[in-house]
Amino acid sequence: MSIKTFINGVVVGLILGVLFAPDSGDETRRKIAKKASDVKDTVTDTYNNIADTVADKYQDIKSKANEFIGRGESAFNAAKEENANMFE
């Protein structure tokens, strides 16, 4: 499920809930404020989870790239040394 689909579903649910609510204006406004707060919390949590996942993936890729570069440097230095020893 995409975030856009989720948010659209929440908005539709909020609108339908308000339209069919048999409560007074004050009670309806209180419920809307509560629902809006819940949606904000859900969106914030989802954003934080995505940000954490991206940060973890970035660190993983960075670590693997550094490892790959280190192996490449080692191979280059070994080849360079072997080449230098050839001509001694």
Protein backbone atom coordinates (compact mmCIF):
# COMPACT_ATOMS: atom_id res chain seq x y z
CA MET A 1 0.00 0.00 0.00
CA SER A 2 1.39 3.39 -0.93
CA ILE A 3 1.41 6.33 1.43
CA LYS A 4 -0.79 8.30 -0.97
CA THR A 5 -3.43 5.55 -0.96
CA PHE A 6 -3.29 5.37 2.83
CA ILE A 7 -3.68 9.13 3.27
CA ASN A 8 -6.54 9.22 0.75
CA GLY A 9 -8.31 6.47 2.69
CA VAL A 10 -7.89 8.34 5.95
CA VAL A 11 -9.25 11.57 4.44
CA VAL A 12 -12.28 9.79 2.95
CA GLY A 13 -12.92 8.07 6.26
CA LEU A 14 -12.72 11.37 8.11
CA ILE A 15 -15.16 13.06 5.73
CA LEU A 16 -17.66 10.19 5.89
CA GLY A 17 -17.37 10.06 9.65
CA VAL A 18 -18.14 13.76 9.96
CA LEU A 19 -21.04 13.61 7.51
CA PHE A 20 -22.76 10.74 9.27
CA ALA A 21 -21.96 11.78 12.84
CA PRO A 22 -25.09 12.41 14.95
CA ASP A 23 -23.14 14.58 17.41
CA SER A 24 -23.32 18.27 18.29
CA GLY A 25 -21.02 20.78 16.61
CA ASP A 26 -18.65 20.91 19.60
CA GLU A 27 -18.46 17.14 19.80
CA THR A 28 -17.92 16.85 16.04
CA ARG A 29 -15.11 19.44 16.15
CA ARG A 30 -13.50 17.58 19.04
CA LYS A 31 -13.67 14.31 17.08
CA ILE A 32 -12.22 15.99 13.97
CA ALA A 33 -9.35 17.40 16.03
CA LYS A 34 -8.71 13.95 17.55
CA LYS A 35 -8.78 12.24 14.14
CA ALA A 36 -6.50 14.92 12.67
CA SER A 37 -4.08 14.38 15.53
CA ASP A 38 -4.19 10.61 14.97
CA VAL A 39 -3.54 11.07 11.25
CA LYS A 40 -0.64 13.42 12.00
CA ASP A 41 0.84 10.87 14.40
CA THR A 42 0.43 8.06 11.86
CA VAL A 43 2.03 10.09 9.08
CA THR A 44 4.87 11.13 11.38
CA ASP A 45 5.48 7.51 12.43
CA THR A 46 5.38 6.34 8.81
CA TYR A 47 7.81 9.09 7.77
CA ASN A 48 10.18 8.22 10.62
CA ASN A 49 10.07 4.52 9.69
CA ILE A 50 10.85 5.31 6.06
CA ALA A 51 13.65 7.70 7.07
CA ASP A 52 15.16 5.04 9.35
CA THR A 53 14.97 2.42 6.60
CA VAL A 54 16.61 4.75 4.08
CA ALA A 55 19.35 5.67 6.57
CA ASP A 56 20.02 1.99 7.30
CA LYS A 57 20.19 1.14 3.58
CA TYR A 58 22.50 4.11 2.97
CA GLN A 59 24.87 2.96 5.70
CA ASP A 60 24.81 -0.60 4.34
CA ILE A 61 25.58 0.55 0.81
CA LYS A 62 28.28 2.92 2.05
CA SER A 63 29.91 0.12 4.04
CA LYS A 64 29.85 -2.25 1.08
CA ALA A 65 31.25 0.45 -1.23
CA ASN A 66 34.10 1.16 1.19
CA GLU A 67 34.83 -2.56 1.43
CA PHE A 68 34.84 -2.84 -2.36
CA ILE A 69 37.15 0.18 -2.69
CA GLY A 70 39.48 -1.30 -0.06
CA ARG A 71 39.69 -4.59 -1.96
CA GLY A 72 40.36 -2.69 -5.19
CA GLU A 73 43.14 -0.67 -3.58
CA SER A 74 44.68 -3.84 -2.15
CA ALA A 75 44.60 -5.55 -5.53
CA PHE A 76 46.06 -2.45 -7.21
CA ASN A 77 48.89 -2.21 -4.67
CA ALA A 78 49.65 -5.93 -4.98
CA ALA A 79 49.77 -5.68 -8.79
CA LYS A 80 51.93 -2.57 -8.58
CA GLU A 81 54.37 -4.29 -6.22
CA GLU A 82 54.46 -7.42 -8.38
CA ASN A 83 55.11 -5.27 -11.44
CA ALA A 84 57.94 -3.45 -9.64
CA ASN A 85 59.48 -6.77 -8.57
CA MET A 86 59.43 -8.01 -12.15
CA PHE A 87 61.90 -5.40 -13.27
CA GLU A 88 64.42 -5.69 -10.42
